[in-house]
């Protein structure tokens, strides 16, 4: 049986448990073939000391998509994460043409803990909003969810009522949603989701690992 293929367009860090370093083994463990297309190669992810070595891969991504089309490759899912330019967002929309009826998943990687990442400009924020409108499923964290709604993004804990209102508004504006790592005022943590077709909010409880 041929495994399903997921095109994962994201950053690649040579040291650090983030982005493709965790995506690839997680998908492989589920029997899905991860096809990694790095938007940028980093010596480490942000948070390590010292200047980070960085190599932009925009042209490689373009060339790879041309090759995939020549081969007639189709993907069951196109998943995007960290993007460093508006040009790379256009690459994602191009990659969506290789899914057919497959899943288009956008993780709008741009902020956390109440603030934007240093590399994210206003142009990229608007670009992520546009990209989320083309997706079937978006997976922002709570900070990113508030940014997508154009709200103050500094709130870090929520009541279930607040989380339900945020995720339902986000779903109606964009696509199906799973807000990752929602911290509630009672100390619990869950993924907060919204099924746009059913117009239903749901919660997936999880154990928070502070690492």
N, C-alpha and C. Protein backbone atom coordinates (compact mmCIF):
# COMPACT_ATOMS: atom_id res chain seq x y z
N UNK A 1 0.84 -1.20 0.00
CA UNK A 1 0.00 0.00 0.00
C UNK A 1 0.88 1.25 0.00
N UNK A 2 0.63 2.15 -0.92
CA UNK A 2 1.42 3.37 -1.01
C UNK A 2 1.03 4.33 0.11
N UNK A 3 1.99 4.81 0.88
CA UNK A 3 1.63 5.73 1.98
C UNK A 3 1.18 7.09 1.44
N UNK A 4 0.37 7.76 2.21
CA UNK A 4 -0.02 9.12 1.86
C UNK A 4 1.20 10.02 1.99
N UNK A 5 1.26 11.05 1.14
CA UNK A 5 2.39 11.98 1.13
C UNK A 5 1.95 13.36 1.60
N UNK A 6 2.73 13.95 2.48
CA UNK A 6 2.48 15.31 2.96
C UNK A 6 3.67 16.18 2.60
N UNK A 7 3.42 17.24 1.83
CA UNK A 7 4.46 18.21 1.50
C UNK A 7 4.55 19.22 2.63
N UNK A 8 5.67 19.23 3.33
CA UNK A 8 5.85 20.07 4.52
C UNK A 8 6.80 21.22 4.20
N UNK A 9 6.24 22.41 4.08
CA UNK A 9 7.01 23.59 3.69
C UNK A 9 7.25 24.42 4.94
N UNK A 10 8.47 24.36 5.47
CA UNK A 10 8.73 24.89 6.81
C UNK A 10 10.23 25.12 6.94
N UNK A 11 10.64 25.73 8.03
CA UNK A 11 12.06 25.92 8.29
C UNK A 11 12.71 24.61 8.71
N UNK A 12 14.02 24.53 8.54
CA UNK A 12 14.79 23.37 8.98
C UNK A 12 15.93 23.85 9.85
N UNK A 13 15.97 23.37 11.09
CA UNK A 13 17.05 23.73 12.01
C UNK A 13 17.93 22.51 12.23
N UNK A 14 19.24 22.71 12.15
CA UNK A 14 20.15 21.58 12.32
C UNK A 14 20.31 21.19 13.78
N UNK A 15 20.13 22.14 14.70
CA UNK A 15 20.10 21.87 16.14
C UNK A 15 18.84 22.50 16.71
N UNK A 16 18.08 21.73 17.47
CA UNK A 16 16.87 22.26 18.07
C UNK A 16 15.67 21.41 17.71
N UNK A 17 14.80 21.17 18.67
CA UNK A 17 13.61 20.36 18.45
C UNK A 17 12.45 21.26 18.03
N UNK A 18 12.45 21.60 16.77
CA UNK A 18 11.38 22.47 16.25
C UNK A 18 11.15 22.18 14.78
N UNK A 19 10.11 22.75 14.24
CA UNK A 19 9.76 22.70 12.81
C UNK A 19 9.94 21.30 12.22
N UNK A 20 10.68 21.18 11.14
CA UNK A 20 10.78 19.90 10.45
C UNK A 20 11.40 18.79 11.29
N UNK A 21 12.21 19.17 12.29
CA UNK A 21 12.86 18.16 13.14
C UNK A 21 11.84 17.35 13.94
N UNK A 22 10.68 17.92 14.22
CA UNK A 22 9.64 17.18 14.93
C UNK A 22 8.50 16.76 14.00
N UNK A 23 8.29 17.52 12.93
CA UNK A 23 7.20 17.20 12.00
C UNK A 23 7.46 15.88 11.28
N UNK A 24 8.68 15.72 10.74
CA UNK A 24 8.99 14.54 9.93
C UNK A 24 8.83 13.23 10.70
N UNK A 25 9.44 13.07 11.89
CA UNK A 25 9.26 11.80 12.60
C UNK A 25 7.84 11.56 13.08
N UNK A 26 7.11 12.64 13.41
CA UNK A 26 5.72 12.47 13.86
C UNK A 26 4.85 11.94 12.73
N UNK A 27 5.02 12.49 11.53
CA UNK A 27 4.25 12.01 10.39
C UNK A 27 4.65 10.59 10.01
N UNK A 28 5.96 10.33 10.00
CA UNK A 28 6.45 9.01 9.65
C UNK A 28 5.91 7.94 10.60
N UNK A 29 5.82 8.28 11.88
CA UNK A 29 5.30 7.34 12.88
C UNK A 29 3.84 7.01 12.63
N UNK A 30 3.13 7.90 11.95
CA UNK A 30 1.73 7.68 11.60
C UNK A 30 1.57 7.02 10.23
N UNK A 31 2.70 6.65 9.61
CA UNK A 31 2.62 5.98 8.32
C UNK A 31 2.46 6.92 7.15
N UNK A 32 2.73 8.20 7.35
CA UNK A 32 2.64 9.20 6.29
C UNK A 32 4.04 9.56 5.83
N UNK A 33 4.24 9.65 4.51
CA UNK A 33 5.54 10.01 3.98
C UNK A 33 5.72 11.53 4.02
N UNK A 34 6.65 12.05 4.85
CA UNK A 34 6.88 13.50 4.88
C UNK A 34 7.85 13.90 3.76
N UNK A 35 7.43 14.83 2.94
CA UNK A 35 8.29 15.37 1.89
C UNK A 35 8.67 16.78 2.33
N UNK A 36 9.93 16.94 2.74
CA UNK A 36 10.35 18.18 3.38
C UNK A 36 10.85 19.19 2.35
N UNK A 37 10.27 20.38 2.39
CA UNK A 37 10.68 21.47 1.51
C UNK A 37 11.03 22.66 2.39
N UNK A 38 12.32 22.86 2.72
CA UNK A 38 12.70 23.90 3.69
C UNK A 38 12.62 25.31 3.10
N UNK A 39 11.98 26.21 3.84
CA UNK A 39 11.92 27.62 3.44
C UNK A 39 13.21 28.35 3.82
N UNK A 40 13.84 27.88 4.88
CA UNK A 40 15.10 28.45 5.34
C UNK A 40 15.83 27.38 6.14
N UNK A 41 17.14 27.33 6.02
CA UNK A 41 17.95 26.41 6.82
C UNK A 41 18.67 27.23 7.89
N UNK A 42 18.52 26.81 9.15
CA UNK A 42 19.09 27.54 10.28
C UNK A 42 20.02 26.63 11.06
N UNK A 43 21.09 27.20 11.60
CA UNK A 43 21.99 26.41 12.44
C UNK A 43 21.29 25.98 13.73
N UNK A 44 20.46 26.86 14.28
CA UNK A 44 19.60 26.54 15.43
C UNK A 44 18.31 27.33 15.27
N UNK A 45 17.30 26.96 16.04
CA UNK A 45 16.13 27.84 16.05
C UNK A 45 16.40 29.01 16.99
N UNK A 46 15.54 30.01 16.93
CA UNK A 46 15.74 31.22 17.73
C UNK A 46 15.62 30.89 19.22
N UNK A 47 16.47 31.49 20.02
CA UNK A 47 16.50 31.22 21.45
C UNK A 47 17.85 30.73 21.90
N UNK A 48 18.66 30.20 20.97
CA UNK A 48 20.03 29.83 21.29
C UNK A 48 20.91 31.07 21.28
N UNK A 49 22.06 31.01 21.92
CA UNK A 49 22.98 32.14 21.96
C UNK A 49 23.81 32.21 20.69
N UNK A 50 24.35 33.39 20.43
CA UNK A 50 25.24 33.57 19.29
C UNK A 50 24.49 33.85 18.00
N UNK A 51 25.22 34.33 16.98
CA UNK A 51 24.58 34.61 15.69
C UNK A 51 24.17 33.32 14.99
N UNK A 52 22.92 33.25 14.54
CA UNK A 52 22.40 32.06 13.88
C UNK A 52 22.79 32.08 12.40
N UNK A 53 23.39 31.00 11.92
CA UNK A 53 23.68 30.86 10.50
C UNK A 53 22.37 30.59 9.77
N UNK A 54 22.17 31.26 8.63
CA UNK A 54 20.88 31.22 7.96
C UNK A 54 21.06 31.17 6.45
N UNK A 55 20.32 30.30 5.79
CA UNK A 55 20.37 30.20 4.33
C UNK A 55 18.94 30.20 3.77
N UNK A 56 18.59 31.25 3.05
CA UNK A 56 17.26 31.34 2.44
C UNK A 56 17.14 30.30 1.32
N UNK A 57 15.96 29.64 1.25
CA UNK A 57 15.76 28.56 0.29
C UNK A 57 14.62 28.84 -0.69
N UNK A 58 14.29 30.12 -0.87
CA UNK A 58 13.16 30.49 -1.72
C UNK A 58 13.31 29.93 -3.13
N UNK A 59 14.45 30.14 -3.74
CA UNK A 59 14.64 29.68 -5.12
C UNK A 59 14.58 28.15 -5.20
N UNK A 60 15.14 27.48 -4.20
CA UNK A 60 15.08 26.02 -4.18
C UNK A 60 13.63 25.55 -4.13
N UNK A 61 12.81 26.21 -3.30
CA UNK A 61 11.39 25.84 -3.21
C UNK A 61 10.70 25.98 -4.56
N UNK A 62 10.97 27.08 -5.25
CA UNK A 62 10.38 27.29 -6.58
C UNK A 62 10.82 26.19 -7.55
N UNK A 63 12.11 25.92 -7.57
CA UNK A 63 12.64 24.92 -8.49
C UNK A 63 12.09 23.52 -8.17
N UNK A 64 11.94 23.22 -6.89
CA UNK A 64 11.41 21.91 -6.49
C UNK A 64 9.97 21.75 -6.95
N UNK A 65 9.16 22.80 -6.83
CA UNK A 65 7.77 22.71 -7.28
C UNK A 65 7.69 22.49 -8.78
N UNK A 66 8.57 23.14 -9.53
CA UNK A 66 8.62 22.92 -10.98
C UNK A 66 8.91 21.45 -11.27
N UNK A 67 9.87 20.90 -10.55
CA UNK A 67 10.24 19.49 -10.73
C UNK A 67 9.08 18.57 -10.37
N UNK A 68 8.41 18.85 -9.24
CA UNK A 68 7.28 18.02 -8.83
C UNK A 68 6.19 18.01 -9.91
N UNK A 69 5.92 19.19 -10.48
CA UNK A 69 4.88 19.28 -11.52
C UNK A 69 5.29 18.49 -12.77
N UNK A 70 6.56 18.56 -13.12
CA UNK A 70 7.05 17.80 -14.27
C UNK A 70 6.90 16.30 -14.05
N UNK A 71 7.07 15.88 -12.80
CA UNK A 71 6.95 14.46 -12.45
C UNK A 71 5.49 14.03 -12.30
N UNK A 72 4.58 15.00 -12.20
CA UNK A 72 3.18 14.68 -11.99
C UNK A 72 2.87 14.25 -10.57
N UNK A 73 3.70 14.69 -9.62
CA UNK A 73 3.51 14.31 -8.22
C UNK A 73 2.28 15.03 -7.64
N UNK A 74 1.48 14.29 -6.89
CA UNK A 74 0.36 14.86 -6.16
C UNK A 74 0.53 14.56 -4.68
N UNK A 75 0.12 15.48 -3.84
CA UNK A 75 0.25 15.31 -2.39
C UNK A 75 -1.12 15.21 -1.73
N UNK A 76 -1.20 14.39 -0.70
CA UNK A 76 -2.44 14.26 0.05
C UNK A 76 -2.64 15.42 1.01
N UNK A 77 -1.54 16.11 1.31
CA UNK A 77 -1.60 17.28 2.19
C UNK A 77 -0.45 18.22 1.85
N UNK A 78 -0.73 19.50 1.86
CA UNK A 78 0.33 20.52 1.83
C UNK A 78 0.25 21.27 3.14
N UNK A 79 1.34 21.20 3.89
CA UNK A 79 1.42 21.84 5.21
C UNK A 79 2.49 22.92 5.19
N UNK A 80 2.13 24.12 5.61
CA UNK A 80 3.11 25.20 5.65
C UNK A 80 3.28 25.72 7.06
N UNK A 81 4.51 26.16 7.37
CA UNK A 81 4.82 26.70 8.69
C UNK A 81 5.55 28.02 8.57
N UNK A 82 6.81 28.06 9.05
CA UNK A 82 7.56 29.32 9.07
C UNK A 82 7.90 29.78 7.66
N UNK A 83 7.53 31.03 7.36
CA UNK A 83 7.81 31.65 6.07
C UNK A 83 8.49 32.98 6.32
N UNK A 84 9.44 33.34 5.46
CA UNK A 84 10.23 34.54 5.72
C UNK A 84 9.98 35.68 4.75
N UNK A 85 9.08 35.49 3.78
CA UNK A 85 8.83 36.55 2.80
C UNK A 85 7.47 36.36 2.15
N UNK A 86 6.96 37.45 1.57
CA UNK A 86 5.71 37.38 0.81
C UNK A 86 5.87 36.44 -0.38
N UNK A 87 7.05 36.39 -0.95
CA UNK A 87 7.33 35.52 -2.08
C UNK A 87 7.13 34.06 -1.70
N UNK A 88 7.52 33.70 -0.49
CA UNK A 88 7.33 32.32 -0.05
C UNK A 88 5.85 32.00 0.16
N UNK A 89 5.05 32.98 0.52
CA UNK A 89 3.62 32.76 0.65
C UNK A 89 2.99 32.46 -0.70
N UNK A 90 3.49 33.11 -1.75
CA UNK A 90 3.01 32.81 -3.10
C UNK A 90 3.39 31.38 -3.49
N UNK A 91 4.53 30.90 -3.00
CA UNK A 91 4.96 29.53 -3.26
C UNK A 91 3.96 28.55 -2.64
N UNK A 92 3.46 28.85 -1.45
CA UNK A 92 2.49 27.97 -0.79
C UNK A 92 1.23 27.86 -1.64
N UNK A 93 0.74 28.99 -2.12
CA UNK A 93 -0.48 28.96 -2.95
C UNK A 93 -0.24 28.15 -4.22
N UNK A 94 0.95 28.22 -4.77
CA UNK A 94 1.31 27.41 -5.93
C UNK A 94 1.32 25.94 -5.54
N UNK A 95 1.88 25.63 -4.36
CA UNK A 95 1.94 24.24 -3.90
C UNK A 95 0.54 23.66 -3.67
N UNK A 96 -0.41 24.49 -3.31
CA UNK A 96 -1.78 24.01 -3.10
C UNK A 96 -2.36 23.38 -4.36
N UNK A 97 -1.86 23.77 -5.54
CA UNK A 97 -2.37 23.19 -6.78
C UNK A 97 -1.97 21.72 -6.93
N UNK A 98 -1.04 21.25 -6.09
CA UNK A 98 -0.59 19.86 -6.17
C UNK A 98 -1.35 18.94 -5.22
N UNK A 99 -2.39 19.46 -4.56
CA UNK A 99 -3.13 18.65 -3.58
C UNK A 99 -4.39 18.02 -4.15
N UNK A 100 -4.93 18.56 -5.23
CA UNK A 100 -6.23 18.07 -5.68
C UNK A 100 -7.26 18.32 -4.60
N UNK A 101 -7.84 17.22 -4.11
CA UNK A 101 -8.82 17.32 -3.02
C UNK A 101 -8.15 17.12 -1.66
N UNK A 102 -6.83 17.15 -1.62
CA UNK A 102 -6.11 16.94 -0.37
C UNK A 102 -6.23 18.10 0.60
N UNK A 103 -5.65 17.91 1.77
CA UNK A 103 -5.75 18.89 2.85
C UNK A 103 -4.73 20.02 2.68
N UNK A 104 -5.20 21.24 2.78
CA UNK A 104 -4.33 22.42 2.76
C UNK A 104 -4.28 22.96 4.18
N UNK A 105 -3.14 22.80 4.83
CA UNK A 105 -3.00 23.14 6.24
C UNK A 105 -1.97 24.27 6.40
N UNK A 106 -2.39 25.34 7.06
CA UNK A 106 -1.50 26.48 7.29
C UNK A 106 -1.31 26.70 8.78
N UNK A 107 -0.05 26.61 9.21
CA UNK A 107 0.32 27.01 10.56
C UNK A 107 0.95 28.40 10.44
N UNK A 108 0.23 29.45 10.86
CA UNK A 108 0.73 30.82 10.66
C UNK A 108 1.81 31.19 11.69
N UNK A 109 3.00 30.67 11.50
CA UNK A 109 4.09 30.83 12.46
C UNK A 109 4.59 32.27 12.43
N UNK A 110 4.19 33.07 13.41
CA UNK A 110 4.61 34.47 13.40
C UNK A 110 4.73 35.09 14.79
N UNK A 111 4.27 34.40 15.83
CA UNK A 111 4.27 35.04 17.16
C UNK A 111 4.07 34.00 18.25
N UNK A 112 4.36 34.40 19.48
CA UNK A 112 4.10 33.56 20.65
C UNK A 112 4.26 34.41 21.90
N UNK A 113 3.63 33.98 22.98
CA UNK A 113 3.75 34.67 24.28
C UNK A 113 3.47 36.17 24.16
N UNK A 114 2.47 36.51 23.36
CA UNK A 114 2.00 37.89 23.31
C UNK A 114 2.77 38.85 22.42
N UNK A 115 3.69 38.35 21.58
CA UNK A 115 4.43 39.27 20.72
C UNK A 115 4.88 38.58 19.43
N UNK A 116 5.06 39.40 18.40
CA UNK A 116 5.54 38.90 17.12
C UNK A 116 6.99 38.47 17.21
N UNK A 117 7.38 37.49 16.39
CA UNK A 117 8.79 37.16 16.24
C UNK A 117 9.50 38.32 15.55
N UNK A 118 10.78 38.46 15.83
CA UNK A 118 11.54 39.62 15.33
C UNK A 118 11.58 39.70 13.81
N UNK A 119 11.45 38.57 13.13
CA UNK A 119 11.54 38.56 11.67
C UNK A 119 10.21 38.85 10.97
N UNK A 120 9.12 38.97 11.74
CA UNK A 120 7.79 39.13 11.14
C UNK A 120 7.42 40.60 10.99
N UNK A 121 7.18 41.00 9.76
CA UNK A 121 6.79 42.37 9.43
C UNK A 121 5.27 42.47 9.29
N UNK A 122 4.78 43.71 9.20
CA UNK A 122 3.35 43.91 8.97
C UNK A 122 2.92 43.27 7.65
N UNK A 123 3.79 43.32 6.65
CA UNK A 123 3.47 42.71 5.35
C UNK A 123 3.28 41.20 5.49
N UNK A 124 4.13 40.57 6.31
CA UNK A 124 4.01 39.13 6.51
C UNK A 124 2.75 38.77 7.30
N UNK A 125 2.37 39.61 8.26
CA UNK A 125 1.13 39.38 9.00
C UNK A 125 -0.05 39.39 8.04
N UNK A 126 -0.11 40.38 7.16
CA UNK A 126 -1.20 40.45 6.19
C UNK A 126 -1.13 39.28 5.22
N UNK A 127 0.08 38.86 4.88
CA UNK A 127 0.25 37.71 4.01
C UNK A 127 -0.27 36.43 4.63
N UNK A 128 -0.01 36.24 5.93
CA UNK A 128 -0.52 35.07 6.63
C UNK A 128 -2.05 35.09 6.68
N UNK A 129 -2.64 36.26 6.87
CA UNK A 129 -4.09 36.35 6.88
C UNK A 129 -4.67 35.91 5.54
N UNK A 130 -4.04 36.35 4.46
CA UNK A 130 -4.49 35.95 3.12
C UNK A 130 -4.31 34.46 2.92
N UNK A 131 -3.16 33.93 3.33
CA UNK A 131 -2.87 32.50 3.15
C UNK A 131 -3.87 31.65 3.92
N UNK A 132 -4.24 32.08 5.11
CA UNK A 132 -5.20 31.33 5.92
C UNK A 132 -6.57 31.23 5.24
N UNK A 133 -6.89 32.21 4.42
CA UNK A 133 -8.17 32.17 3.69
C UNK A 133 -8.16 31.13 2.58
N UNK A 134 -6.98 30.71 2.16
CA UNK A 134 -6.86 29.70 1.10
C UNK A 134 -6.79 28.28 1.69
N UNK A 135 -6.60 28.17 3.00
CA UNK A 135 -6.38 26.88 3.65
C UNK A 135 -7.69 26.20 4.02
N UNK A 136 -7.61 24.88 4.26
CA UNK A 136 -8.76 24.13 4.79
C UNK A 136 -8.72 24.09 6.31
N UNK A 137 -7.51 24.13 6.86
CA UNK A 137 -7.32 24.04 8.31
C UNK A 137 -6.17 24.95 8.71
N UNK A 138 -6.35 25.74 9.76
CA UNK A 138 -5.27 26.57 10.28
C UNK A 138 -5.01 26.19 11.73
N UNK A 139 -3.73 26.29 12.14
CA UNK A 139 -3.36 25.84 13.49
C UNK A 139 -2.53 26.90 14.22
N UNK A 140 -3.12 28.07 14.48
CA UNK A 140 -2.37 29.09 15.22
C UNK A 140 -2.26 28.76 16.69
N UNK A 141 -1.25 29.34 17.36
CA UNK A 141 -1.26 29.33 18.82
C UNK A 141 -2.15 30.49 19.28
N UNK A 142 -2.41 30.64 20.58
CA UNK A 142 -3.32 31.70 21.02
C UNK A 142 -2.90 33.11 20.59
N UNK A 143 -1.60 33.42 20.66
CA UNK A 143 -1.13 34.75 20.23
C UNK A 143 -1.44 34.97 18.76
N UNK A 144 -1.14 33.98 17.93
CA UNK A 144 -1.39 34.10 16.50
C UNK A 144 -2.87 34.19 16.17
N UNK A 145 -3.69 33.47 16.96
CA UNK A 145 -5.14 33.52 16.76
C UNK A 145 -5.66 34.94 16.96
N UNK A 146 -5.19 35.60 18.01
CA UNK A 146 -5.63 36.98 18.28
C UNK A 146 -5.13 37.93 17.20
N UNK A 147 -3.92 37.72 16.71
CA UNK A 147 -3.39 38.56 15.63
C UNK A 147 -4.23 38.40 14.36
N UNK A 148 -4.60 37.17 14.04
CA UNK A 148 -5.43 36.93 12.85
C UNK A 148 -6.79 37.61 12.95
N UNK A 149 -7.26 37.80 14.18
CA UNK A 149 -8.53 38.50 14.39
C UNK A 149 -8.35 40.01 14.49
N UNK A 150 -7.11 40.49 14.47
CA UNK A 150 -6.85 41.92 14.60
C UNK A 150 -7.04 42.45 15.99
N UNK A 151 -6.84 41.58 17.00
CA UNK A 151 -7.06 41.97 18.39
C UNK A 151 -5.73 42.12 19.14
N UNK A 152 -5.81 42.67 20.34
CA UNK A 152 -4.66 42.72 21.24
C UNK A 152 -4.21 41.29 21.51
N UNK A 153 -2.94 41.00 21.28
CA UNK A 153 -2.47 39.61 21.33
C UNK A 153 -1.74 39.26 22.63
N UNK A 154 -1.79 40.12 23.63
CA UNK A 154 -1.00 39.89 24.84
C UNK A 154 -1.67 38.98 25.85
N UNK A 155 -2.96 38.68 25.68
CA UNK A 155 -3.65 37.80 26.61
C UNK A 155 -3.09 36.38 26.48
N UNK A 156 -2.78 35.74 27.62
CA UNK A 156 -2.17 34.41 27.58
C UNK A 156 -2.99 33.33 28.26
N UNK A 157 -3.96 33.70 29.12
CA UNK A 157 -4.85 32.71 29.71
C UNK A 157 -6.30 33.10 29.41
N UNK A 158 -7.18 32.08 29.32
CA UNK A 158 -8.54 32.31 28.84
C UNK A 158 -9.54 31.48 29.63
N UNK A 159 -10.76 31.95 29.69
CA UNK A 159 -11.86 31.11 30.13
C UNK A 159 -12.30 30.28 28.93
N UNK A 160 -13.04 29.21 29.17
CA UNK A 160 -13.53 28.41 28.04
C UNK A 160 -14.48 29.22 27.17
N UNK A 161 -15.21 30.13 27.78
CA UNK A 161 -16.14 30.98 27.01
C UNK A 161 -15.34 31.91 26.08
N UNK A 162 -14.26 32.49 26.60
CA UNK A 162 -13.43 33.36 25.77
C UNK A 162 -12.80 32.59 24.62
N UNK A 163 -12.27 31.40 24.93
CA UNK A 163 -11.64 30.58 23.90
C UNK A 163 -12.65 30.17 22.84
N UNK A 164 -13.86 29.85 23.25
CA UNK A 164 -14.90 29.45 22.30
C UNK A 164 -15.26 30.59 21.37
N UNK A 165 -15.35 31.78 21.92
CA UNK A 165 -15.68 32.96 21.10
C UNK A 165 -14.57 33.25 20.10
N UNK A 166 -13.33 33.15 20.55
CA UNK A 166 -12.18 33.43 19.67
C UNK A 166 -12.11 32.42 18.53
N UNK A 167 -12.21 31.13 18.86
CA UNK A 167 -12.03 30.10 17.83
C UNK A 167 -13.19 30.08 16.85
N UNK A 168 -14.41 30.36 17.30
CA UNK A 168 -15.54 30.37 16.38
C UNK A 168 -15.47 31.56 15.44
N UNK A 169 -15.07 32.72 15.94
CA UNK A 169 -14.89 33.88 15.07
C UNK A 169 -13.78 33.65 14.06
N UNK A 170 -12.71 33.01 14.52
CA UNK A 170 -11.59 32.70 13.63
C UNK A 170 -12.03 31.73 12.54
N UNK A 171 -12.80 30.72 12.93
CA UNK A 171 -13.28 29.74 11.96
C UNK A 171 -14.18 30.34 10.91
N UNK A 172 -15.08 31.20 11.32
CA UNK A 172 -15.98 31.82 10.35
C UNK A 172 -15.25 32.78 9.42
N UNK A 173 -14.18 33.37 9.90
CA UNK A 173 -13.40 34.31 9.09
C UNK A 173 -12.47 33.59 8.12
N UNK A 174 -11.92 32.42 8.54
CA UNK A 174 -10.90 31.76 7.74
C UNK A 174 -11.29 30.33 7.34
N UNK A 175 -11.09 29.36 8.21
CA UNK A 175 -11.26 27.95 7.85
C UNK A 175 -11.47 27.16 9.15
N UNK A 176 -11.50 25.83 9.03
CA UNK A 176 -11.47 25.02 10.25
C UNK A 176 -10.23 25.39 11.06
N UNK A 177 -10.34 25.35 12.38
CA UNK A 177 -9.27 25.85 13.24
C UNK A 177 -8.95 24.86 14.35
N UNK A 178 -7.67 24.73 14.67
CA UNK A 178 -7.24 24.16 15.94
C UNK A 178 -6.24 25.13 16.54
N UNK A 179 -6.62 25.78 17.63
CA UNK A 179 -5.70 26.67 18.35
C UNK A 179 -4.89 25.79 19.31
N UNK A 180 -3.59 25.76 19.10
CA UNK A 180 -2.74 24.86 19.88
C UNK A 180 -2.37 25.48 21.23
N UNK A 181 -2.34 24.66 22.26
CA UNK A 181 -1.83 25.09 23.55
C UNK A 181 -2.58 26.22 24.21
N UNK A 182 -3.93 26.16 24.22
CA UNK A 182 -4.71 27.18 24.91
C UNK A 182 -4.62 26.97 26.41
N UNK A 183 -4.12 27.98 27.13
CA UNK A 183 -4.01 27.88 28.59
C UNK A 183 -5.23 28.53 29.23
N UNK A 184 -5.88 27.78 30.11
CA UNK A 184 -7.10 28.28 30.75
C UNK A 184 -6.80 28.80 32.15
N UNK A 185 -7.70 29.63 32.64
CA UNK A 185 -7.49 30.30 33.92
C UNK A 185 -7.43 29.31 35.08
N UNK A 186 -7.97 28.11 34.89
CA UNK A 186 -7.93 27.10 35.96
C UNK A 186 -6.64 26.29 35.94
N UNK A 187 -5.71 26.64 35.03
CA UNK A 187 -4.43 25.95 34.96
C UNK A 187 -4.38 24.81 33.96
N UNK A 188 -5.50 24.42 33.39
CA UNK A 188 -5.52 23.34 32.40
C UNK A 188 -5.10 23.87 31.03
N UNK A 189 -4.75 22.94 30.15
CA UNK A 189 -4.32 23.29 28.79
C UNK A 189 -5.04 22.38 27.81
N UNK A 190 -5.42 22.92 26.66
CA UNK A 190 -6.10 22.12 25.64
C UNK A 190 -5.87 22.73 24.27
N UNK A 191 -6.11 21.92 23.25
CA UNK A 191 -6.26 22.47 21.92
C UNK A 191 -7.73 22.84 21.76
N UNK A 192 -7.99 24.04 21.25
CA UNK A 192 -9.35 24.52 21.06
C UNK A 192 -9.66 24.52 19.57
N UNK A 193 -10.71 23.80 19.17
CA UNK A 193 -10.99 23.65 17.75
C UNK A 193 -12.35 24.17 17.35
N UNK A 194 -12.50 24.36 16.02
CA UNK A 194 -13.79 24.78 15.47
C UNK A 194 -14.00 24.09 14.14
N UNK A 195 -15.10 23.35 14.04
CA UNK A 195 -15.51 22.70 12.81
C UNK A 195 -16.46 23.65 12.08
N UNK A 196 -15.99 24.21 10.97
CA UNK A 196 -16.75 25.26 10.27
C UNK A 196 -18.05 24.72 9.68
N UNK A 197 -18.01 23.48 9.16
CA UNK A 197 -19.20 22.91 8.55
C UNK A 197 -20.29 22.66 9.59
N UNK A 198 -19.89 22.09 10.73
CA UNK A 198 -20.86 21.79 11.79
C UNK A 198 -21.12 22.98 12.69
N UNK A 199 -20.26 24.01 12.58
CA UNK A 199 -20.32 25.19 13.45
C UNK A 199 -20.25 24.78 14.92
N UNK A 200 -19.28 23.89 15.20
CA UNK A 200 -19.12 23.37 16.56
C UNK A 200 -17.72 23.67 17.09
N UNK A 201 -17.67 24.04 18.38
CA UNK A 201 -16.41 24.22 19.09
C UNK A 201 -16.10 22.94 19.84
N UNK A 202 -14.82 22.54 19.88
CA UNK A 202 -14.44 21.36 20.65
C UNK A 202 -13.10 21.61 21.34
N UNK A 203 -12.85 20.84 22.40
CA UNK A 203 -11.62 20.96 23.18
C UNK A 203 -10.93 19.60 23.25
N UNK A 204 -9.62 19.59 23.06
CA UNK A 204 -8.81 18.38 23.20
C UNK A 204 -7.84 18.61 24.35
N UNK A 205 -8.11 18.08 25.56
CA UNK A 205 -7.22 18.29 26.71
C UNK A 205 -5.84 17.70 26.44
N UNK A 206 -4.80 18.33 26.97
CA UNK A 206 -3.45 17.81 26.81
C UNK A 206 -2.61 18.15 28.03
N UNK A 207 -1.53 17.42 28.15
CA UNK A 207 -0.57 17.68 29.22
C UNK A 207 0.50 18.64 28.70
N UNK A 208 0.64 19.78 29.35
CA UNK A 208 1.59 20.80 28.93
C UNK A 208 3.00 20.45 29.42
N UNK A 209 3.95 20.41 28.49
CA UNK A 209 5.35 20.15 28.84
C UNK A 209 6.11 21.46 28.72
N UNK A 210 6.62 22.01 29.80
CA UNK A 210 7.28 23.33 29.78
C UNK A 210 8.72 23.26 29.27
N UNK A 211 8.89 22.81 28.03
CA UNK A 211 10.22 22.69 27.44
C UNK A 211 10.21 23.27 26.04
